Structures are given as C-alpha cells and as structure tokens.
Amino acid sequence: MNTIDFFKLQSKNLLKDFKRRKPNSDKQNNAWKYEYEPKHFDVLLVMMDFNLEEEKLTLMKAQHAIAQMAGFEKWTVLIKASEPDLKIAKILYENQHKVDLPMWLFYLAEVEEMNQTILDSESKLAICEDAFEREYFDDSVSFDCYLLDKKYG
C-alpha cells in the first residue's frame, strides 16, 4: 500500500469510528451527545483537538484531521508532498505513541545545528528511519495519542 492510500485508509477508519456511536443518555452531565465505540481512534480526543462537531463530520474533515496528525497543514498539502516527506509522515504517524511532531522537529533542528546544515527530505528520511531502527524514541515516554492500537489497516 502506498503512503497516500495508507492515509486515505486512516481517514476512512476515523470516519467509521466516528459513525460507531450511540446516543448518550446522560446529556445533562455530559457535553457530548454520543458515546463512541471506536476501533482505531480515540474519537473524543480527535474531536476536541481538531475542533470537529459531532453532527458534521465528513470524510473531507476526517482527511483534514489525519493530514494534521501526520504533520501537514491540510489534506491537499499531504497529497502533494514528496515521497520522502510522506514516508517520514507515515513513520511518525505509526509511532505517535513514542514521539510527537514538536519533539521530532526539535530533534531535526538539533541535528541541523550540530552539523551546521539544512537537511533535505532524503536526509531527513534517512535520519528518521535510523532513529526508529535504533529505537532512539521508545515507549518509555508517553504522549497523548490518537490511535487506540497499532493496527493501521
């Protein structure tokens, strides 16, 4: 599966999880109108962080949220990204329980500063692959994570 198809699948999974809802009987004490039984995403966390409305989630809005989770401003930027940038985004997306985007960007900035250079996308991909292969980022640090499990398909 190519990386664009991977992110399309994630968008569809988010929408499916969103649709796996049932009315919340305790509307008075809970701001949410529904209870969710998701398989892939922490739906409430995604809705809060990306300002999504319970009544108005569409595939387009799900794609926008997935693009932002992957480090892109919006879906159209994701689908136009270079292959190395998409591969980096996929690695980071799959490992968001180990490192968040700001931490990754800080790590890259340190590498650039130490080497007095500006890295191109291919070099960033090589560093990304190496960092995760060497387990530089591990499960010992817990970040808020949108994914419920490590199954992506």
N, C-alpha and C. Protein backbone atom coordinates (compact mmCIF):
# COMPACT_ATOMS: atom_id res chain seq x y z
N MET A 1 0.86 -1.18 0.00
CA MET A 1 0.00 0.00 0.00
C MET A 1 0.90 1.24 0.00
N ASN A 2 0.67 2.13 -0.95
CA ASN A 2 1.48 3.34 -0.96
C ASN A 2 1.04 4.28 0.18
N THR A 3 1.84 5.30 0.43
CA THR A 3 1.57 6.16 1.60
C THR A 3 0.28 6.96 1.47
N ILE A 4 -0.04 7.41 0.28
CA ILE A 4 -1.30 8.15 0.10
C ILE A 4 -2.48 7.23 0.43
N ASP A 5 -2.44 6.00 -0.07
CA ASP A 5 -3.51 5.05 0.22
C ASP A 5 -3.58 4.75 1.72
N PHE A 6 -2.42 4.69 2.37
CA PHE A 6 -2.38 4.48 3.81
C PHE A 6 -3.14 5.59 4.53
N PHE A 7 -2.87 6.84 4.17
CA PHE A 7 -3.55 7.96 4.83
C PHE A 7 -5.03 8.04 4.44
N LYS A 8 -5.37 7.64 3.23
CA LYS A 8 -6.79 7.56 2.86
C LYS A 8 -7.51 6.55 3.74
N LEU A 9 -6.86 5.40 3.98
CA LEU A 9 -7.45 4.38 4.83
C LEU A 9 -7.63 4.90 6.26
N GLN A 10 -6.66 5.64 6.75
CA GLN A 10 -6.77 6.20 8.10
C GLN A 10 -7.95 7.17 8.19
N SER A 11 -8.15 7.95 7.15
CA SER A 11 -9.29 8.88 7.12
C SER A 11 -10.61 8.12 7.16
N LYS A 12 -10.68 7.06 6.38
CA LYS A 12 -11.90 6.24 6.37
C LYS A 12 -12.11 5.55 7.72
N ASN A 13 -11.02 5.09 8.34
CA ASN A 13 -11.13 4.47 9.67
C ASN A 13 -11.62 5.47 10.71
N LEU A 14 -11.14 6.70 10.62
CA LEU A 14 -11.60 7.73 11.56
C LEU A 14 -13.09 7.97 11.37
N LEU A 15 -13.52 8.08 10.13
CA LEU A 15 -14.94 8.30 9.86
C LEU A 15 -15.78 7.12 10.35
N LYS A 16 -15.30 5.90 10.10
CA LYS A 16 -16.02 4.71 10.58
C LYS A 16 -16.13 4.72 12.11
N ASP A 17 -15.02 5.04 12.78
CA ASP A 17 -15.05 5.10 14.24
C ASP A 17 -16.04 6.16 14.72
N PHE A 18 -16.06 7.26 14.02
CA PHE A 18 -16.99 8.34 14.38
C PHE A 18 -18.43 7.86 14.24
N LYS A 19 -18.68 7.07 13.24
CA LYS A 19 -20.04 6.57 13.00
C LYS A 19 -20.43 5.45 13.96
N ARG A 20 -19.47 4.89 14.66
CA ARG A 20 -19.75 3.85 15.65
C ARG A 20 -20.14 4.54 16.96
N ARG A 21 -21.25 5.19 16.92
CA ARG A 21 -21.70 5.95 18.08
C ARG A 21 -23.13 5.60 18.42
N LYS A 22 -23.47 5.89 19.66
CA LYS A 22 -24.85 5.71 20.09
C LYS A 22 -25.21 6.92 20.96
N PRO A 23 -26.47 7.27 20.99
CA PRO A 23 -26.88 8.45 21.77
C PRO A 23 -26.48 8.31 23.24
N ASN A 24 -26.04 9.41 23.80
CA ASN A 24 -25.66 9.45 25.21
C ASN A 24 -26.92 9.75 26.02
N SER A 25 -27.26 8.89 26.95
CA SER A 25 -28.49 9.07 27.73
C SER A 25 -28.34 10.13 28.81
N ASP A 26 -27.10 10.46 29.18
CA ASP A 26 -26.86 11.43 30.24
C ASP A 26 -26.42 12.77 29.65
N LYS A 27 -27.24 13.36 28.81
CA LYS A 27 -26.89 14.60 28.12
C LYS A 27 -26.71 15.77 29.08
N GLN A 28 -27.38 15.72 30.23
CA GLN A 28 -27.32 16.83 31.17
C GLN A 28 -25.94 16.99 31.79
N ASN A 29 -25.27 15.88 32.09
CA ASN A 29 -23.96 15.94 32.74
C ASN A 29 -22.80 15.75 31.78
N ASN A 30 -23.08 15.59 30.52
CA ASN A 30 -22.02 15.34 29.55
C ASN A 30 -22.23 16.26 28.35
N ALA A 31 -21.15 16.93 27.95
CA ALA A 31 -21.26 17.85 26.82
C ALA A 31 -21.40 17.10 25.50
N TRP A 32 -21.01 15.82 25.46
CA TRP A 32 -21.09 15.05 24.22
C TRP A 32 -22.47 14.43 24.06
N LYS A 33 -23.01 14.47 22.87
CA LYS A 33 -24.33 13.92 22.59
C LYS A 33 -24.29 12.41 22.37
N TYR A 34 -23.10 11.88 22.11
CA TYR A 34 -22.98 10.47 21.79
C TYR A 34 -21.89 9.80 22.61
N GLU A 35 -21.99 8.49 22.72
CA GLU A 35 -20.92 7.65 23.25
C GLU A 35 -20.34 6.90 22.06
N TYR A 36 -19.04 6.70 22.07
CA TYR A 36 -18.37 6.08 20.93
C TYR A 36 -17.80 4.72 21.30
N GLU A 37 -17.81 3.83 20.34
CA GLU A 37 -17.22 2.50 20.48
C GLU A 37 -16.22 2.32 19.34
N PRO A 38 -15.12 3.08 19.37
CA PRO A 38 -14.18 3.08 18.26
C PRO A 38 -13.26 1.85 18.25
N LYS A 39 -12.71 1.58 17.09
CA LYS A 39 -11.74 0.50 16.93
C LYS A 39 -10.32 1.04 16.71
N HIS A 40 -10.21 2.22 16.14
CA HIS A 40 -8.91 2.73 15.71
C HIS A 40 -8.45 4.00 16.41
N PHE A 41 -9.36 4.89 16.73
CA PHE A 41 -9.00 6.22 17.22
C PHE A 41 -9.70 6.55 18.53
N ASP A 42 -9.05 7.39 19.31
CA ASP A 42 -9.70 8.00 20.47
C ASP A 42 -10.54 9.14 19.90
N VAL A 43 -11.77 8.84 19.56
CA VAL A 43 -12.63 9.78 18.83
C VAL A 43 -12.81 11.09 19.57
N LEU A 44 -13.07 11.03 20.87
CA LEU A 44 -13.29 12.27 21.62
C LEU A 44 -12.05 13.15 21.63
N LEU A 45 -10.88 12.56 21.76
CA LEU A 45 -9.64 13.34 21.72
C LEU A 45 -9.45 13.98 20.35
N VAL A 46 -9.70 13.24 19.30
CA VAL A 46 -9.59 13.79 17.94
C VAL A 46 -10.58 14.94 17.76
N MET A 47 -11.81 14.73 18.21
CA MET A 47 -12.83 15.77 18.05
C MET A 47 -12.44 17.05 18.80
N MET A 48 -11.92 16.89 20.01
CA MET A 48 -11.53 18.08 20.78
C MET A 48 -10.33 18.77 20.16
N ASP A 49 -9.29 18.01 19.82
CA ASP A 49 -8.06 18.61 19.31
C ASP A 49 -8.21 19.24 17.93
N PHE A 50 -9.13 18.72 17.13
CA PHE A 50 -9.29 19.24 15.77
C PHE A 50 -10.61 19.98 15.59
N ASN A 51 -11.26 20.29 16.71
CA ASN A 51 -12.47 21.10 16.72
C ASN A 51 -13.53 20.57 15.75
N LEU A 52 -13.79 19.26 15.84
CA LEU A 52 -14.79 18.63 14.99
C LEU A 52 -16.12 18.57 15.72
N GLU A 53 -17.19 18.77 14.97
CA GLU A 53 -18.53 18.73 15.55
C GLU A 53 -19.15 17.36 15.36
N GLU A 54 -19.82 16.87 16.40
CA GLU A 54 -20.41 15.54 16.36
C GLU A 54 -21.39 15.36 15.21
N GLU A 55 -22.12 16.38 14.89
CA GLU A 55 -23.17 16.26 13.88
C GLU A 55 -22.65 16.48 12.46
N LYS A 56 -21.40 16.94 12.32
CA LYS A 56 -20.97 17.39 11.00
C LYS A 56 -19.66 16.78 10.51
N LEU A 57 -19.29 15.59 10.97
CA LEU A 57 -18.04 15.00 10.49
C LEU A 57 -18.26 14.36 9.12
N THR A 58 -17.44 14.76 8.18
CA THR A 58 -17.48 14.22 6.82
C THR A 58 -16.12 13.60 6.51
N LEU A 59 -16.04 12.89 5.40
CA LEU A 59 -14.75 12.31 5.01
C LEU A 59 -13.72 13.42 4.79
N MET A 60 -14.14 14.53 4.23
CA MET A 60 -13.22 15.63 4.00
C MET A 60 -12.64 16.16 5.32
N LYS A 61 -13.47 16.29 6.33
CA LYS A 61 -12.99 16.75 7.63
C LYS A 61 -12.10 15.70 8.29
N ALA A 62 -12.43 14.43 8.10
CA ALA A 62 -11.59 13.36 8.62
C ALA A 62 -10.22 13.39 7.93
N GLN A 63 -10.20 13.60 6.62
CA GLN A 63 -8.93 13.70 5.89
C GLN A 63 -8.10 14.87 6.39
N HIS A 64 -8.75 15.98 6.65
CA HIS A 64 -8.06 17.16 7.16
C HIS A 64 -7.41 16.85 8.52
N ALA A 65 -8.15 16.18 9.40
CA ALA A 65 -7.61 15.83 10.72
C ALA A 65 -6.45 14.85 10.58
N ILE A 66 -6.56 13.87 9.72
CA ILE A 66 -5.47 12.90 9.51
C ILE A 66 -4.24 13.62 8.95
N ALA A 67 -4.44 14.52 8.02
CA ALA A 67 -3.30 15.27 7.47
C ALA A 67 -2.59 16.04 8.58
N GLN A 68 -3.34 16.66 9.46
CA GLN A 68 -2.72 17.39 10.55
C GLN A 68 -2.02 16.46 11.54
N MET A 69 -2.60 15.30 11.81
CA MET A 69 -1.93 14.31 12.66
C MET A 69 -0.60 13.89 12.06
N ALA A 70 -0.55 13.85 10.73
CA ALA A 70 0.65 13.43 10.02
C ALA A 70 1.65 14.58 9.82
N GLY A 71 1.30 15.76 10.30
CA GLY A 71 2.23 16.88 10.23
C GLY A 71 2.07 17.82 9.06
N PHE A 72 0.95 17.70 8.36
CA PHE A 72 0.70 18.58 7.22
C PHE A 72 -0.39 19.57 7.58
N GLU A 73 -0.36 20.73 6.94
CA GLU A 73 -1.34 21.77 7.23
C GLU A 73 -2.75 21.32 6.88
N LYS A 74 -2.88 20.64 5.73
CA LYS A 74 -4.19 20.18 5.27
C LYS A 74 -4.00 19.04 4.29
N TRP A 75 -5.10 18.40 3.92
CA TRP A 75 -5.08 17.22 3.07
C TRP A 75 -4.43 17.50 1.72
N THR A 76 -4.72 18.64 1.11
CA THR A 76 -4.14 18.92 -0.22
C THR A 76 -2.62 19.04 -0.15
N VAL A 77 -2.09 19.48 0.97
CA VAL A 77 -0.64 19.54 1.14
C VAL A 77 -0.08 18.12 1.27
N LEU A 78 -0.79 17.27 2.00
CA LEU A 78 -0.36 15.88 2.16
C LEU A 78 -0.29 15.18 0.80
N ILE A 79 -1.34 15.29 0.00
CA ILE A 79 -1.36 14.54 -1.26
C ILE A 79 -0.36 15.08 -2.29
N LYS A 80 0.15 16.29 -2.08
CA LYS A 80 1.14 16.87 -3.00
C LYS A 80 2.56 16.74 -2.46
N ALA A 81 2.72 16.16 -1.28
CA ALA A 81 4.05 16.06 -0.64
C ALA A 81 4.95 15.09 -1.40
N SER A 82 6.25 15.29 -1.24
CA SER A 82 7.22 14.40 -1.87
C SER A 82 7.16 13.03 -1.20
N GLU A 83 7.64 12.03 -1.89
CA GLU A 83 7.62 10.67 -1.34
C GLU A 83 8.43 10.56 -0.05
N PRO A 84 9.63 11.17 0.05
CA PRO A 84 10.34 11.11 1.33
C PRO A 84 9.56 11.75 2.47
N ASP A 85 8.92 12.88 2.20
CA ASP A 85 8.13 13.55 3.25
C ASP A 85 6.93 12.70 3.66
N LEU A 86 6.32 12.02 2.70
CA LEU A 86 5.20 11.13 3.02
C LEU A 86 5.67 9.93 3.85
N LYS A 87 6.84 9.39 3.51
CA LYS A 87 7.37 8.26 4.28
C LYS A 87 7.69 8.68 5.71
N ILE A 88 8.25 9.86 5.88
CA ILE A 88 8.52 10.38 7.23
C ILE A 88 7.20 10.52 7.98
N ALA A 89 6.22 11.09 7.33
CA ALA A 89 4.91 11.30 7.97
C ALA A 89 4.31 9.97 8.40
N LYS A 90 4.44 8.95 7.57
CA LYS A 90 3.88 7.64 7.91
C LYS A 90 4.62 7.04 9.11
N ILE A 91 5.94 7.13 9.12
CA ILE A 91 6.71 6.61 10.25
C ILE A 91 6.32 7.32 11.54
N LEU A 92 6.22 8.63 11.48
CA LEU A 92 5.84 9.40 12.67
C LEU A 92 4.41 9.09 13.10
N TYR A 93 3.52 8.94 12.13
CA TYR A 93 2.12 8.61 12.42
C TYR A 93 2.04 7.27 13.13
N GLU A 94 2.75 6.28 12.62
CA GLU A 94 2.73 4.94 13.21
C GLU A 94 3.40 4.89 14.58
N ASN A 95 4.21 5.88 14.87
CA ASN A 95 4.94 5.91 16.13
C ASN A 95 4.57 7.10 17.00
N GLN A 96 3.37 7.61 16.81
CA GLN A 96 2.97 8.80 17.57
C GLN A 96 2.88 8.55 19.06
N HIS A 97 2.85 7.29 19.47
CA HIS A 97 2.88 6.96 20.90
C HIS A 97 4.30 7.09 21.47
N LYS A 98 5.29 7.25 20.58
CA LYS A 98 6.68 7.39 21.01
C LYS A 98 7.20 8.81 20.89
N VAL A 99 6.76 9.51 19.88
CA VAL A 99 7.26 10.87 19.65
C VAL A 99 6.16 11.70 18.99
N ASP A 100 6.02 12.93 19.45
CA ASP A 100 5.06 13.81 18.80
C ASP A 100 5.79 14.70 17.80
N LEU A 101 5.05 15.40 16.99
CA LEU A 101 5.65 16.20 15.93
C LEU A 101 6.59 17.28 16.46
N PRO A 102 6.23 18.03 17.50
CA PRO A 102 7.18 19.03 18.00
C PRO A 102 8.51 18.41 18.47
N MET A 103 8.43 17.24 19.10
CA MET A 103 9.66 16.59 19.55
C MET A 103 10.52 16.17 18.35
N TRP A 104 9.88 15.65 17.30
CA TRP A 104 10.60 15.27 16.09
C TRP A 104 11.26 16.48 15.45
N LEU A 105 10.54 17.58 15.34
CA LEU A 105 11.10 18.80 14.74
C LEU A 105 12.25 19.34 15.56
N PHE A 106 12.15 19.25 16.88
CA PHE A 106 13.25 19.67 17.75
C PHE A 106 14.47 18.78 17.53
N TYR A 107 14.24 17.47 17.41
CA TYR A 107 15.33 16.52 17.15
C TYR A 107 16.04 16.88 15.84
N LEU A 108 15.27 17.14 14.79
CA LEU A 108 15.86 17.52 13.49
C LEU A 108 16.63 18.83 13.59
N ALA A 109 16.08 19.80 14.31
CA ALA A 109 16.76 21.08 14.47
C ALA A 109 18.10 20.90 15.17
N GLU A 110 18.15 20.01 16.14
CA GLU A 110 19.42 19.73 16.83
C GLU A 110 20.44 19.11 15.87
N VAL A 111 19.98 18.18 15.04
CA VAL A 111 20.86 17.54 14.06
C VAL A 111 21.40 18.59 13.09
N GLU A 112 20.52 19.46 12.61
CA GLU A 112 20.96 20.51 11.68
C GLU A 112 21.95 21.46 12.35
N GLU A 113 21.68 21.83 13.58
CA GLU A 113 22.57 22.74 14.29
C GLU A 113 23.93 22.11 14.55
N MET A 114 23.93 20.86 14.99
CA MET A 114 25.19 20.17 15.26
C MET A 114 26.04 20.03 14.00
N ASN A 115 25.40 19.84 12.87
CA ASN A 115 26.11 19.64 11.60
C ASN A 115 26.20 20.90 10.75
N GLN A 116 25.70 22.02 11.28
CA GLN A 116 25.74 23.30 10.56
C GLN A 116 25.25 23.15 9.12
N THR A 117 24.05 22.57 8.97
CA THR A 117 23.49 22.34 7.64
C THR A 117 21.98 22.39 7.68
N ILE A 118 21.38 22.51 6.52
CA ILE A 118 19.94 22.38 6.35
C ILE A 118 19.72 21.06 5.62
N LEU A 119 18.95 20.19 6.23
CA LEU A 119 18.74 18.86 5.67
C LEU A 119 17.67 18.87 4.58
N ASP A 120 17.90 18.09 3.53
CA ASP A 120 16.86 17.90 2.52
C ASP A 120 15.95 16.74 2.95
N SER A 121 14.88 16.51 2.22
CA SER A 121 13.90 15.50 2.59
C SER A 121 14.49 14.10 2.65
N GLU A 122 15.37 13.77 1.71
CA GLU A 122 16.01 12.45 1.70
C GLU A 122 16.85 12.23 2.95
N SER A 123 17.59 13.26 3.36
CA SER A 123 18.42 13.16 4.57
C SER A 123 17.54 13.03 5.81
N LYS A 124 16.45 13.78 5.85
CA LYS A 124 15.53 13.69 6.98
C LYS A 124 14.93 12.29 7.08
N LEU A 125 14.60 11.70 5.92
CA LEU A 125 14.05 10.34 5.91
C LEU A 125 15.09 9.35 6.45
N ALA A 126 16.33 9.49 6.01
CA ALA A 126 17.38 8.58 6.48
C ALA A 126 17.55 8.70 8.00
N ILE A 127 17.51 9.91 8.51
CA ILE A 127 17.64 10.14 9.96
C ILE A 127 16.44 9.55 10.69
N CYS A 128 15.26 9.74 10.13
CA CYS A 128 14.03 9.21 10.74
C CYS A 128 14.09 7.69 10.81
N GLU A 129 14.41 7.07 9.70
CA GLU A 129 14.49 5.60 9.68
C GLU A 129 15.54 5.10 10.67
N ASP A 130 16.69 5.77 10.70
CA ASP A 130 17.76 5.36 11.62
C ASP A 130 17.34 5.54 13.08
N ALA A 131 16.69 6.64 13.38
CA ALA A 131 16.29 6.90 14.77
C ALA A 131 15.32 5.85 15.28
N PHE A 132 14.38 5.43 14.44
CA PHE A 132 13.42 4.42 14.88
C PHE A 132 14.01 3.02 14.84
N GLU A 133 14.94 2.79 13.91
CA GLU A 133 15.62 1.49 13.87
C GLU A 133 16.47 1.30 15.13
N ARG A 134 17.15 2.36 15.55
CA ARG A 134 17.98 2.29 16.76
C ARG A 134 17.16 2.48 18.03
N GLU A 135 15.85 2.66 17.87
CA GLU A 135 14.93 2.86 18.98
C GLU A 135 15.33 4.05 19.85
N TYR A 136 15.73 5.13 19.17
CA TYR A 136 16.05 6.37 19.87
C TYR A 136 14.83 6.88 20.62
N PHE A 137 13.68 6.77 19.99
CA PHE A 137 12.41 7.11 20.62
C PHE A 137 11.77 5.80 21.07
N ASP A 138 11.40 5.71 22.32
CA ASP A 138 10.83 4.45 22.78
C ASP A 138 9.53 4.69 23.55
N ASP A 139 8.96 3.60 24.02
CA ASP A 139 7.67 3.66 24.71
C ASP A 139 7.77 4.19 26.13
N SER A 140 8.96 4.50 26.60
CA SER A 140 9.10 4.92 27.99
C SER A 140 8.52 6.31 28.24
N VAL A 141 8.39 7.07 27.19
CA VAL A 141 7.78 8.40 27.32
C VAL A 141 6.40 8.31 26.69
N SER A 142 5.38 8.64 27.46
CA SER A 142 4.02 8.51 26.97
C SER A 142 3.50 9.87 26.50
N PHE A 143 3.01 9.91 25.29
CA PHE A 143 2.41 11.12 24.72
C PHE A 143 0.93 10.87 24.52
N ASP A 144 0.15 11.93 24.50
CA ASP A 144 -1.24 11.78 24.10
C ASP A 144 -1.23 11.24 22.68
N CYS A 145 -2.05 10.27 22.44
CA CYS A 145 -2.03 9.58 21.16
C CYS A 145 -3.45 9.39 20.65
N TYR A 146 -3.64 9.60 19.39
CA TYR A 146 -4.97 9.48 18.80
C TYR A 146 -5.34 8.04 18.48
N LEU A 147 -4.34 7.17 18.35
CA LEU A 147 -4.58 5.80 17.96
C LEU A 147 -4.88 4.93 19.18
N LEU A 148 -5.81 4.00 19.03
CA LEU A 148 -6.13 3.10 20.11
C LEU A 148 -5.21 1.89 20.14
N ASP A 149 -4.72 1.49 18.97
CA ASP A 149 -3.84 0.33 18.91
C ASP A 149 -2.86 0.49 17.75
N LYS A 150 -2.04 -0.52 17.53
CA LYS A 150 -1.02 -0.45 16.48
C LYS A 150 -1.48 -1.07 15.17
N LYS A 151 -2.78 -1.29 15.00
CA LYS A 151 -3.29 -1.83 13.75
C LYS A 151 -3.72 -0.68 12.86
N TYR A 152 -3.20 -0.63 11.67
CA TYR A 152 -3.47 0.52 10.80
C TYR A 152 -4.31 0.15 9.58
N GLY A 153 -4.69 -1.07 9.40
CA GLY A 153 -5.37 -1.46 8.18
C GLY A 153 -6.65 -2.07 8.35
